[in-house]
PDB file of all heavy atoms in Angstrom:
ATOM      1  N   GLU A   1     -13.576 -75.595   1.260  1.00  0.00           N
ATOM      2  CA  GLU A   1     -13.276 -76.911   0.690  1.00  0.00           C
ATOM      3  C   GLU A   1     -13.330 -76.870  -0.834  1.00  0.00           C
ATOM      4  O   GLU A   1     -12.476 -77.444  -1.518  1.00  0.00           O
ATOM      5  CB  GLU A   1     -14.274 -77.943   1.227  1.00  0.00           C
ATOM      6  CG  GLU A   1     -14.073 -79.352   0.707  1.00  0.00           C
ATOM      7  CD  GLU A   1     -12.781 -79.973   1.195  1.00  0.00           C
ATOM      8  OE1 GLU A   1     -12.184 -79.450   2.158  1.00  0.00           O
ATOM      9  OE2 GLU A   1     -12.366 -80.980   0.599  1.00  0.00           O
ATOM     10  N   ILE A   2     -14.322 -76.151  -1.382  1.00  0.00           N
ATOM     11  CA  ILE A   2     -14.436 -76.031  -2.843  1.00  0.00           C
ATOM     12  C   ILE A   2     -13.231 -75.308  -3.413  1.00  0.00           C
ATOM     13  O   ILE A   2     -12.684 -75.690  -4.463  1.00  0.00           O
ATOM     14  CB  ILE A   2     -15.744 -75.311  -3.216  1.00  0.00           C
ATOM     15  CG1 ILE A   2     -16.940 -76.243  -2.958  1.00  0.00           C
ATOM     16  CG2 ILE A   2     -15.737 -74.878  -4.676  1.00  0.00           C
ATOM     17  CD1 ILE A   2     -18.285 -75.598  -3.171  1.00  0.00           C
ATOM     18  N   LEU A   3     -12.792 -74.237  -2.722  1.00  0.00           N
ATOM     19  CA  LEU A   3     -11.619 -73.505  -3.194  1.00  0.00           C
ATOM     20  C   LEU A   3     -10.380 -74.402  -3.208  1.00  0.00           C
ATOM     21  O   LEU A   3      -9.544 -74.314  -4.123  1.00  0.00           O
ATOM     22  CB  LEU A   3     -11.367 -72.284  -2.303  1.00  0.00           C
ATOM     23  CG  LEU A   3     -12.358 -71.122  -2.465  1.00  0.00           C
ATOM     24  CD1 LEU A   3     -12.082 -70.038  -1.433  1.00  0.00           C
ATOM     25  CD2 LEU A   3     -12.283 -70.543  -3.882  1.00  0.00           C
ATOM     26  N   ARG A   4     -10.264 -75.282  -2.232  1.00  0.00           N
ATOM     27  CA  ARG A   4      -9.093 -76.165  -2.177  1.00  0.00           C
ATOM     28  C   ARG A   4      -9.105 -77.170  -3.337  1.00  0.00           C
ATOM     29  O   ARG A   4      -8.084 -77.390  -3.999  1.00  0.00           O
ATOM     30  CB  ARG A   4      -9.048 -76.907  -0.841  1.00  0.00           C
ATOM     31  CG  ARG A   4      -8.572 -76.061   0.327  1.00  0.00           C
ATOM     32  CD  ARG A   4      -8.220 -76.925   1.524  1.00  0.00           C
ATOM     33  NE  ARG A   4      -9.387 -77.607   2.077  1.00  0.00           N
ATOM     34  CZ  ARG A   4     -10.167 -77.086   3.022  1.00  0.00           C
ATOM     35  NH1 ARG A   4      -9.912 -75.872   3.504  1.00  0.00           N
ATOM     36  NH2 ARG A   4     -11.210 -77.749   3.470  1.00  0.00           N
ATOM     37  N   VAL A   5     -10.255 -77.758  -3.596  1.00  0.00           N
ATOM     38  CA  VAL A   5     -10.304 -78.766  -4.667  1.00  0.00           C
ATOM     39  C   VAL A   5     -10.348 -78.128  -6.047  1.00  0.00           C
ATOM     40  O   VAL A   5     -10.005 -78.758  -7.045  1.00  0.00           O
ATOM     41  CB  VAL A   5     -11.514 -79.699  -4.477  1.00  0.00           C
ATOM     42  CG1 VAL A   5     -11.400 -80.464  -3.180  1.00  0.00           C
ATOM     43  CG2 VAL A   5     -12.825 -78.935  -4.550  1.00  0.00           C
ATOM     44  N   GLU A   6     -10.780 -76.846  -6.117  1.00  0.00           N
ATOM     45  CA  GLU A   6     -10.907 -76.174  -7.408  1.00  0.00           C
ATOM     46  C   GLU A   6      -9.547 -75.942  -8.071  1.00  0.00           C
ATOM     47  O   GLU A   6      -9.448 -75.879  -9.305  1.00  0.00           O
ATOM     48  CB  GLU A   6     -11.638 -74.838  -7.211  1.00  0.00           C
ATOM     49  CG  GLU A   6     -11.916 -74.092  -8.505  1.00  0.00           C
ATOM     50  CD  GLU A   6     -12.474 -72.707  -8.262  1.00  0.00           C
ATOM     51  OE1 GLU A   6     -12.464 -72.253  -7.105  1.00  0.00           O
ATOM     52  OE2 GLU A   6     -12.908 -72.088  -9.232  1.00  0.00           O
ATOM     53  N   GLU A   7      -8.489 -75.822  -7.259  1.00  0.00           N
ATOM     54  CA  GLU A   7      -7.173 -75.483  -7.795  1.00  0.00           C
ATOM     55  C   GLU A   7      -6.675 -76.502  -8.825  1.00  0.00           C
ATOM     56  O   GLU A   7      -5.967 -76.151  -9.761  1.00  0.00           O
ATOM     57  CB  GLU A   7      -6.161 -75.372  -6.647  1.00  0.00           C
ATOM     58  CG  GLU A   7      -6.458 -74.219  -5.706  1.00  0.00           C
ATOM     59  CD  GLU A   7      -5.480 -74.184  -4.534  1.00  0.00           C
ATOM     60  OE1 GLU A   7      -4.641 -75.100  -4.454  1.00  0.00           O
ATOM     61  OE2 GLU A   7      -5.570 -73.252  -3.721  1.00  0.00           O
ATOM     62  N   GLY A   8      -7.091 -77.744  -8.693  1.00  0.00           N
ATOM     63  CA  GLY A   8      -6.606 -78.771  -9.620  1.00  0.00           C
ATOM     64  C   GLY A   8      -7.493 -78.993 -10.825  1.00  0.00           C
ATOM     65  O   GLY A   8      -7.248 -79.928 -11.596  1.00  0.00           O
ATOM     66  N   LEU A   9      -8.522 -78.161 -11.028  1.00  0.00           N
ATOM     67  CA  LEU A   9      -9.447 -78.371 -12.138  1.00  0.00           C
ATOM     68  C   LEU A   9      -8.927 -77.751 -13.430  1.00  0.00           C
ATOM     69  O   LEU A   9      -8.198 -76.752 -13.423  1.00  0.00           O
ATOM     70  CB  LEU A   9     -10.811 -77.762 -11.803  1.00  0.00           C
ATOM     71  CG  LEU A   9     -11.552 -78.333 -10.591  1.00  0.00           C
ATOM     72  CD1 LEU A   9     -12.891 -77.625 -10.425  1.00  0.00           C
ATOM     73  CD2 LEU A   9     -11.769 -79.831 -10.727  1.00  0.00           C
ATOM     74  N   THR A  10      -9.359 -78.343 -14.538  1.00  0.00           N
ATOM     75  CA  THR A  10      -9.065 -77.757 -15.843  1.00  0.00           C
ATOM     76  C   THR A  10     -10.023 -76.600 -16.102  1.00  0.00           C
ATOM     77  O   THR A  10     -10.983 -76.384 -15.355  1.00  0.00           O
ATOM     78  CB  THR A  10      -9.232 -78.800 -16.949  1.00  0.00           C
ATOM     79  OG1 THR A  10     -10.616 -79.204 -16.996  1.00  0.00           O
ATOM     80  CG2 THR A  10      -8.375 -80.035 -16.688  1.00  0.00           C
ATOM     81  N   ARG A  11      -9.788 -75.868 -17.204  1.00  0.00           N
ATOM     82  CA  ARG A  11     -10.631 -74.732 -17.538  1.00  0.00           C
ATOM     83  C   ARG A  11     -12.075 -75.175 -17.760  1.00  0.00           C
ATOM     84  O   ARG A  11     -13.019 -74.537 -17.264  1.00  0.00           O
ATOM     85  CB  ARG A  11     -10.110 -74.045 -18.801  1.00  0.00           C
ATOM     86  CG  ARG A  11     -10.929 -72.841 -19.227  1.00  0.00           C
ATOM     87  CD  ARG A  11     -10.879 -71.747 -18.183  1.00  0.00           C
ATOM     88  NE  ARG A  11     -11.764 -70.639 -18.524  1.00  0.00           N
ATOM     89  CZ  ARG A  11     -11.985 -69.606 -17.748  1.00  0.00           C
ATOM     90  NH1 ARG A  11     -11.413 -69.559 -16.553  1.00  0.00           N
ATOM     91  NH2 ARG A  11     -12.777 -68.640 -18.123  1.00  0.00           N
ATOM     92  N   SER A  12     -12.283 -76.253 -18.507  1.00  0.00           N
ATOM     93  CA  SER A  12     -13.641 -76.718 -18.798  1.00  0.00           C
ATOM     94  C   SER A  12     -14.341 -77.173 -17.514  1.00  0.00           C
ATOM     95  O   SER A  12     -15.552 -76.984 -17.353  1.00  0.00           O
ATOM     96  CB  SER A  12     -13.608 -77.856 -19.829  1.00  0.00           C
ATOM     97  OG  SER A  12     -12.870 -78.963 -19.311  1.00  0.00           O
ATOM     98  N   GLN A  13     -13.568 -77.760 -16.617  1.00  0.00           N
ATOM     99  CA  GLN A  13     -14.150 -78.203 -15.348  1.00  0.00           C
ATOM    100  C   GLN A  13     -14.571 -77.005 -14.489  1.00  0.00           C
ATOM    101  O   GLN A  13     -15.605 -77.032 -13.825  1.00  0.00           O
ATOM    102  CB  GLN A  13     -13.163 -79.090 -14.599  1.00  0.00           C
ATOM    103  CG  GLN A  13     -12.942 -80.445 -15.256  1.00  0.00           C
ATOM    104  CD  GLN A  13     -11.792 -81.211 -14.648  1.00  0.00           C
ATOM    105  OE1 GLN A  13     -10.904 -80.622 -14.010  1.00  0.00           O
ATOM    106  NE2 GLN A  13     -11.778 -82.527 -14.858  1.00  0.00           N
ATOM    107  N   LYS A  14     -13.752 -75.934 -14.546  1.00  0.00           N
ATOM    108  CA  LYS A  14     -14.109 -74.719 -13.797  1.00  0.00           C
ATOM    109  C   LYS A  14     -15.363 -74.070 -14.381  1.00  0.00           C
ATOM    110  O   LYS A  14     -16.205 -73.536 -13.653  1.00  0.00           O
ATOM    111  CB  LYS A  14     -12.953 -73.730 -13.802  1.00  0.00           C
ATOM    112  CG  LYS A  14     -11.776 -74.177 -12.948  1.00  0.00           C
ATOM    113  CD  LYS A  14     -10.665 -73.136 -12.954  1.00  0.00           C
ATOM    114  CE  LYS A  14      -9.504 -73.587 -12.063  1.00  0.00           C
ATOM    115  NZ  LYS A  14      -8.408 -72.604 -12.041  1.00  0.00           N
ATOM    116  N   ASP A  15     -15.507 -74.124 -15.720  1.00  0.00           N
ATOM    117  CA  ASP A  15     -16.722 -73.600 -16.351  1.00  0.00           C
ATOM    118  C   ASP A  15     -17.938 -74.398 -15.878  1.00  0.00           C
ATOM    119  O   ASP A  15     -19.013 -73.836 -15.619  1.00  0.00           O
ATOM    120  CB  ASP A  15     -16.605 -73.683 -17.875  1.00  0.00           C
ATOM    121  CG  ASP A  15     -15.615 -72.673 -18.424  1.00  0.00           C
ATOM    122  OD1 ASP A  15     -15.276 -71.714 -17.695  1.00  0.00           O
ATOM    123  OD2 ASP A  15     -15.166 -72.849 -19.572  1.00  0.00           O
ATOM    124  N   ARG A  16     -17.775 -75.693 -15.780  1.00  0.00           N
ATOM    125  CA  ARG A  16     -18.854 -76.554 -15.290  1.00  0.00           C
ATOM    126  C   ARG A  16     -19.217 -76.186 -13.854  1.00  0.00           C
ATOM    127  O   ARG A  16     -20.397 -76.116 -13.480  1.00  0.00           O
ATOM    128  CB  ARG A  16     -18.395 -78.014 -15.362  1.00  0.00           C
ATOM    129  CG  ARG A  16     -19.241 -79.023 -14.604  1.00  0.00           C
ATOM    130  CD  ARG A  16     -20.617 -79.146 -15.146  1.00  0.00           C
ATOM    131  NE  ARG A  16     -21.383 -80.173 -14.429  1.00  0.00           N
ATOM    132  CZ  ARG A  16     -22.687 -80.200 -14.346  1.00  0.00           C
ATOM    133  NH1 ARG A  16     -23.419 -79.266 -14.935  1.00  0.00           N
ATOM    134  NH2 ARG A  16     -23.310 -81.164 -13.697  1.00  0.00           N
ATOM    135  N   LEU A  17     -18.199 -75.910 -13.043  1.00  0.00           N
ATOM    136  CA  LEU A  17     -18.421 -75.509 -11.655  1.00  0.00           C
ATOM    137  C   LEU A  17     -19.200 -74.201 -11.583  1.00  0.00           C
ATOM    138  O   LEU A  17     -20.108 -74.025 -10.772  1.00  0.00           O
ATOM    139  CB  LEU A  17     -17.075 -75.376 -10.937  1.00  0.00           C
ATOM    140  CG  LEU A  17     -17.111 -74.999  -9.452  1.00  0.00           C
ATOM    141  CD1 LEU A  17     -17.827 -76.064  -8.647  1.00  0.00           C
ATOM    142  CD2 LEU A  17     -15.690 -74.803  -8.917  1.00  0.00           C
ATOM    143  N   TYR A  18     -18.858 -73.264 -12.493  1.00  0.00           N
ATOM    144  CA  TYR A  18     -19.542 -71.966 -12.529  1.00  0.00           C
ATOM    145  C   TYR A  18     -21.026 -72.150 -12.857  1.00  0.00           C
ATOM    146  O   TYR A  18     -21.901 -71.536 -12.238  1.00  0.00           O
ATOM    147  CB  TYR A  18     -18.872 -71.077 -13.574  1.00  0.00           C
ATOM    148  CG  TYR A  18     -19.611 -69.780 -13.830  1.00  0.00           C
ATOM    149  CD1 TYR A  18     -19.562 -68.727 -12.913  1.00  0.00           C
ATOM    150  CD2 TYR A  18     -20.376 -69.608 -14.991  1.00  0.00           C
ATOM    151  CE1 TYR A  18     -20.251 -67.545 -13.145  1.00  0.00           C
ATOM    152  CE2 TYR A  18     -21.058 -68.436 -15.237  1.00  0.00           C
ATOM    153  CZ  TYR A  18     -20.998 -67.410 -14.302  1.00  0.00           C
ATOM    154  OH  TYR A  18     -21.690 -66.250 -14.532  1.00  0.00           O
ATOM    155  N   VAL A  19     -21.321 -73.021 -13.816  1.00  0.00           N
ATOM    156  CA  VAL A  19     -22.717 -73.274 -14.196  1.00  0.00           C
ATOM    157  C   VAL A  19     -23.504 -73.845 -13.017  1.00  0.00           C
ATOM    158  O   VAL A  19     -24.646 -73.454 -12.754  1.00  0.00           O
ATOM    159  CB  VAL A  19     -22.768 -74.249 -15.396  1.00  0.00           C
ATOM    160  CG1 VAL A  19     -24.203 -74.703 -15.651  1.00  0.00           C
ATOM    161  CG2 VAL A  19     -22.212 -73.574 -16.638  1.00  0.00           C
ATOM    162  N   LEU A  20     -22.870 -74.758 -12.295  1.00  0.00           N
ATOM    163  CA  LEU A  20     -23.548 -75.355 -11.151  1.00  0.00           C
ATOM    164  C   LEU A  20     -23.824 -74.319 -10.057  1.00  0.00           C
ATOM    165  O   LEU A  20     -24.881 -74.340  -9.410  1.00  0.00           O
ATOM    166  CB  LEU A  20     -22.711 -76.510 -10.588  1.00  0.00           C
ATOM    167  CG  LEU A  20     -22.616 -77.746 -11.484  1.00  0.00           C
ATOM    168  CD1 LEU A  20     -21.627 -78.753 -10.901  1.00  0.00           C
ATOM    169  CD2 LEU A  20     -23.980 -78.400 -11.650  1.00  0.00           C
ATOM    170  N   PHE A  21     -22.888 -73.400  -9.844  1.00  0.00           N
ATOM    171  CA  PHE A  21     -23.094 -72.358  -8.838  1.00  0.00           C
ATOM    172  C   PHE A  21     -24.244 -71.434  -9.239  1.00  0.00           C
ATOM    173  O   PHE A  21     -25.000 -70.968  -8.388  1.00  0.00           O
ATOM    174  CB  PHE A  21     -21.816 -71.545  -8.635  1.00  0.00           C
ATOM    175  CG  PHE A  21     -21.008 -71.995  -7.453  1.00  0.00           C
ATOM    176  CD1 PHE A  21     -19.765 -72.577  -7.630  1.00  0.00           C
ATOM    177  CD2 PHE A  21     -21.501 -71.867  -6.171  1.00  0.00           C
ATOM    178  CE1 PHE A  21     -19.031 -73.005  -6.530  1.00  0.00           C
ATOM    179  CE2 PHE A  21     -20.773 -72.288  -5.077  1.00  0.00           C
ATOM    180  CZ  PHE A  21     -19.538 -72.866  -5.260  1.00  0.00           C
ATOM    181  N   ARG A  22     -24.364 -71.169 -10.549  1.00  0.00           N
ATOM    182  CA  ARG A  22     -25.458 -70.318 -11.002  1.00  0.00           C
ATOM    183  C   ARG A  22     -26.805 -70.974 -10.710  1.00  0.00           C
ATOM    184  O   ARG A  22     -27.802 -70.289 -10.470  1.00  0.00           O
ATOM    185  CB  ARG A  22     -25.331 -70.046 -12.503  1.00  0.00           C
ATOM    186  CG  ARG A  22     -24.219 -69.104 -12.877  1.00  0.00           C
ATOM    187  CD  ARG A  22     -24.446 -67.704 -12.320  1.00  0.00           C
ATOM    188  NE  ARG A  22     -25.696 -67.134 -12.781  1.00  0.00           N
ATOM    189  CZ  ARG A  22     -25.810 -66.403 -13.896  1.00  0.00           C
ATOM    190  NH1 ARG A  22     -24.750 -66.151 -14.631  1.00  0.00           N
ATOM    191  NH2 ARG A  22     -26.987 -65.905 -14.255  1.00  0.00           N
ATOM    192  N   GLN A  23     -26.836 -72.278 -10.680  1.00  0.00           N
ATOM    193  CA  GLN A  23     -28.074 -72.987 -10.374  1.00  0.00           C
ATOM    194  C   GLN A  23     -28.523 -72.761  -8.931  1.00  0.00           C
ATOM    195  O   GLN A  23     -29.687 -72.965  -8.588  1.00  0.00           O
ATOM    196  CB  GLN A  23     -27.897 -74.486 -10.614  1.00  0.00           C
ATOM    197  CG  GLN A  23     -27.709 -74.861 -12.073  1.00  0.00           C
ATOM    198  CD  GLN A  23     -27.470 -76.343 -12.246  1.00  0.00           C
ATOM    199  OE1 GLN A  23     -27.452 -77.090 -11.278  1.00  0.00           O
ATOM    200  NE2 GLN A  23     -27.285 -76.773 -13.489  1.00  0.00           N
ATOM    201  N   ALA A  24     -27.569 -72.357  -8.095  1.00  0.00           N
ATOM    202  CA  ALA A  24     -27.885 -72.156  -6.680  1.00  0.00           C
ATOM    203  C   ALA A  24     -28.646 -70.859  -6.422  1.00  0.00           C
ATOM    204  O   ALA A  24     -29.195 -70.658  -5.338  1.00  0.00           O
ATOM    205  CB  ALA A  24     -26.602 -72.162  -5.845  1.00  0.00           C
ATOM    206  N   GLU A  25     -28.673 -69.970  -7.445  1.00  0.00           N
ATOM    207  CA  GLU A  25     -29.361 -68.692  -7.266  1.00  0.00           C
ATOM    208  C   GLU A  25     -30.854 -68.935  -7.012  1.00  0.00           C
ATOM    209  O   GLU A  25     -31.519 -69.659  -7.739  1.00  0.00           O
ATOM    210  CB  GLU A  25     -29.165 -67.807  -8.493  1.00  0.00           C
ATOM    211  CG  GLU A  25     -27.709 -67.385  -8.705  1.00  0.00           C
ATOM    212  CD  GLU A  25     -27.538 -66.521  -9.950  1.00  0.00           C
ATOM    213  OE1 GLU A  25     -28.558 -66.233 -10.600  1.00  0.00           O
ATOM    214  OE2 GLU A  25     -26.392 -66.153 -10.252  1.00  0.00           O
TER     215      GLU A  25
END
């Protein structure tokens, strides 16, 4: 589901997504 919605994100939004995923570690 994340991969499907990620396609429409801007670069800055994808960077934000990356930061949030790092929090999951």
